[in-house]
C-alpha atoms as a PDB file:
ATOM      1  CA  MET A   1      26.317  -3.240  33.512  1.00  0.00           C
ATOM      2  CA  ASN A   2      28.687  -0.640  35.450  1.00  0.00           C
ATOM      3  CA  LEU A   3      32.234  -2.497  35.246  1.00  0.00           C
ATOM      4  CA  THR A   4      35.351  -1.662  36.777  1.00  0.00           C
ATOM      5  CA  GLN A   5      38.195  -1.190  34.333  1.00  0.00           C
ATOM      6  CA  GLU A   6      40.026  -4.981  35.116  1.00  0.00           C
ATOM      7  CA  ASP A   7      36.275  -6.163  35.538  1.00  0.00           C
ATOM      8  CA  TRP A   8      35.620  -4.441  31.299  1.00  0.00           C
ATOM      9  CA  VAL A   9      39.524  -4.924  30.021  1.00  0.00           C
ATOM     10  CA  SER A  10      39.247  -8.280  31.327  1.00  0.00           C
ATOM     11  CA  GLN A  11      35.294  -9.305  30.107  1.00  0.00           C
ATOM     12  CA  LEU A  12      36.221  -7.556  26.563  1.00  0.00           C
ATOM     13  CA  GLU A  13      39.410  -9.200  25.771  1.00  0.00           C
ATOM     14  CA  SER A  14      37.294 -12.722  26.800  1.00  0.00           C
ATOM     15  CA  ASP A  15      34.296 -12.025  23.835  1.00  0.00           C
ATOM     16  CA  GLU A  16      34.420 -12.121  20.513  1.00  0.00           C
ATOM     17  CA  ASN A  17      30.661 -10.148  20.029  1.00  0.00           C
ATOM     18  CA  THR A  18      31.397  -6.561  20.605  1.00  0.00           C
ATOM     19  CA  VAL A  19      31.895  -2.693  20.439  1.00  0.00           C
ATOM     20  CA  ILE A  20      33.411  -0.233  21.845  1.00  0.00           C
ATOM     21  CA  LEU A  21      31.805   2.531  22.081  1.00  0.00           C
ATOM     22  CA  ASP A  22      33.212   6.133  23.261  1.00  0.00           C
ATOM     23  CA  VAL A  23      29.833   8.730  24.548  1.00  0.00           C
ATOM     24  CA  ARG A  24      32.452  11.891  24.516  1.00  0.00           C
ATOM     25  CA  THR A  25      32.180  15.425  21.849  1.00  0.00           C
ATOM     26  CA  GLU A  26      34.851  15.541  19.227  1.00  0.00           C
ATOM     27  CA  ASN A  27      36.877  17.756  21.297  1.00  0.00           C
ATOM     28  CA  GLU A  28      37.356  14.729  23.712  1.00  0.00           C
ATOM     29  CA  CYS A  29      38.526  12.907  21.354  1.00  0.00           C
ATOM     30  CA  ASN A  30      40.967  14.538  19.881  1.00  0.00           C
ATOM     31  CA  GLU A  31      42.767  14.011  23.590  1.00  0.00           C
ATOM     32  CA  GLY A  32      43.268  10.195  22.831  1.00  0.00           C
ATOM     33  CA  ILE A  33      40.749   6.802  21.976  1.00  0.00           C
ATOM     34  CA  ILE A  34      40.242   3.388  23.538  1.00  0.00           C
ATOM     35  CA  PRO A  35      41.517   1.296  20.920  1.00  0.00           C
ATOM     36  CA  ASN A  36      38.455   0.281  18.230  1.00  0.00           C
ATOM     37  CA  SER A  37      36.107   2.475  19.969  1.00  0.00           C
ATOM     38  CA  ILE A  38      33.151   3.826  17.702  1.00  0.00           C
ATOM     39  CA  ASN A  39      32.694   7.641  18.760  1.00  0.00           C
ATOM     40  CA  ILE A  40      28.849   8.884  18.673  1.00  0.00           C
ATOM     41  CA  ASP A  41      28.021  11.959  21.352  1.00  0.00           C
ATOM     42  CA  ILE A  42      26.197  11.420  23.319  1.00  0.00           C
ATOM     43  CA  TYR A  43      25.206  15.275  23.256  1.00  0.00           C
ATOM     44  CA  LYS A  44      23.446  15.128  19.660  1.00  0.00           C
ATOM     45  CA  GLU A  45      20.445  13.837  21.784  1.00  0.00           C
ATOM     46  CA  LEU A  46      18.501  13.285  18.088  1.00  0.00           C
ATOM     47  CA  GLU A  47      21.940  12.521  16.350  1.00  0.00           C
ATOM     48  CA  PHE A  48      21.900  10.037  19.297  1.00  0.00           C
ATOM     49  CA  ILE A  49      19.751   7.568  19.415  1.00  0.00           C
ATOM     50  CA  GLN A  50      19.667   7.853  15.013  1.00  0.00           C
ATOM     51  CA  GLU A  51      23.043   6.507  14.902  1.00  0.00           C
ATOM     52  CA  LEU A  52      22.179   4.153  18.377  1.00  0.00           C
ATOM     53  CA  GLU A  53      18.822   2.620  15.498  1.00  0.00           C
ATOM     54  CA  LEU A  54      21.304   2.074  13.186  1.00  0.00           C
ATOM     55  CA  LEU A  55      23.449  -0.298  15.354  1.00  0.00           C
ATOM     56  CA  ASP A  56      23.776  -4.364  15.438  1.00  0.00           C
ATOM     57  CA  LYS A  57      21.922  -4.590  18.330  1.00  0.00           C
ATOM     58  CA  SER A  58      22.807  -8.088  19.292  1.00  0.00           C
ATOM     59  CA  LYS A  59      26.248  -7.415  20.102  1.00  0.00           C
ATOM     60  CA  ASN A  60      27.849  -6.631  23.371  1.00  0.00           C
ATOM     61  CA  TYR A  61      28.551  -2.759  23.431  1.00  0.00           C
ATOM     62  CA  TYR A  62      31.485  -1.482  25.707  1.00  0.00           C
ATOM     63  CA  VAL A  63      30.467   1.912  26.660  1.00  0.00           C
ATOM     64  CA  TYR A  64      32.894   5.450  28.520  1.00  0.00           C
ATOM     65  CA  CYS A  65      33.009   8.857  28.185  1.00  0.00           C
ATOM     66  CA  ARG A  66      35.230  11.426  30.570  1.00  0.00           C
ATOM     67  CA  SER A  67      33.708   9.968  33.865  1.00  0.00           C
ATOM     68  CA  GLY A  68      31.909   7.673  33.812  1.00  0.00           C
ATOM     69  CA  ALA A  69      28.420   9.256  33.945  1.00  0.00           C
ATOM     70  CA  ARG A  70      27.266  10.278  30.276  1.00  0.00           C
ATOM     71  CA  SER A  71      28.419   6.572  29.360  1.00  0.00           C
ATOM     72  CA  ALA A  72      25.667   5.724  32.114  1.00  0.00           C
ATOM     73  CA  LYS A  73      23.380   7.615  30.432  1.00  0.00           C
ATOM     74  CA  ALA A  74      23.596   5.910  27.416  1.00  0.00           C
ATOM     75  CA  CYS A  75      23.886   2.483  28.416  1.00  0.00           C
ATOM     76  CA  ASP A  76      20.299   2.988  29.797  1.00  0.00           C
ATOM     77  CA  ALA A  77      19.189   4.432  26.515  1.00  0.00           C
ATOM     78  CA  MET A  78      20.441   1.723  24.536  1.00  0.00           C
ATOM     79  CA  ASN A  79      19.186  -0.820  26.299  1.00  0.00           C
ATOM     80  CA  ASN A  80      15.567   0.913  26.395  1.00  0.00           C
ATOM     81  CA  LEU A  81      15.747   0.519  22.685  1.00  0.00           C
ATOM     82  CA  GLY A  82      16.515  -3.277  22.661  1.00  0.00           C
ATOM     83  CA  PHE A  83      20.348  -3.207  23.345  1.00  0.00           C
ATOM     84  CA  GLU A  84      20.656  -6.713  25.320  1.00  0.00           C
ATOM     85  CA  ASN A  85      23.673  -6.043  26.493  1.00  0.00           C
ATOM     86  CA  THR A  86      26.015  -2.626  27.648  1.00  0.00           C
ATOM     87  CA  TYR A  87      28.744  -2.444  29.987  1.00  0.00           C
ATOM     88  CA  ASN A  88      29.587   1.262  31.354  1.00  0.00           C
ATOM     89  CA  LEU A  89      33.355   1.827  32.783  1.00  0.00           C
ATOM     90  CA  LEU A  90      33.035   2.454  35.551  1.00  0.00           C
ATOM     91  CA  GLY A  91      35.196   5.825  36.464  1.00  0.00           C
ATOM     92  CA  GLY A  92      35.110   6.619  32.409  1.00  0.00           C
ATOM     93  CA  PHE A  93      38.572   7.691  30.433  1.00  0.00           C
ATOM     94  CA  LEU A  94      40.121   9.792  32.937  1.00  0.00           C
ATOM     95  CA  GLY A  95      40.625   6.045  35.276  1.00  0.00           C
ATOM     96  CA  TRP A  96      41.600   4.124  32.234  1.00  0.00           C
ATOM     97  CA  ASP A  97      45.354   2.945  32.232  1.00  0.00           C
ATOM     98  CA  GLY A  98      45.248   1.104  29.186  1.00  0.00           C
ATOM     99  CA  GLU A  99      46.394   1.834  25.899  1.00  0.00           C
ATOM    100  CA  ILE A 100      44.895   5.498  24.070  1.00  0.00           C
ATOM    101  CA  VAL A 101      45.575   6.728  20.459  1.00  0.00           C
ATOM    102  CA  SER A 102      44.762   8.867  18.409  1.00  0.00           C
ATOM    103  CA  PRO A 103      40.808   8.729  16.860  1.00  0.00           C
ATOM    104  CA  GLU A 104      41.585   8.228  12.505  1.00  0.00           C
ATOM    105  CA  ASN A 105      39.386  11.736  11.133  1.00  0.00           C
END
């Protein structure tokens, strides 16, 4: 499901069963990340699917990338793998005006 930043944030704040998933590259993440997000690079296709398979499918996943296109594909892939609740951030990181932190490497 695609959500505007406002809806994404308000739903995220009221949801206690969440994971924030950043599907950008490591270089993109070095520019900053949304707090408490985990990174799984969608461009590393096989590794991406393997990492997804390790995640708890009962959680609600709030997914973002740079502009919203890759995260939409990630949500589709996750839904195909049996994830029930995935939420794509429309506009992605480029449109994000909330808090940004440095990734912990």
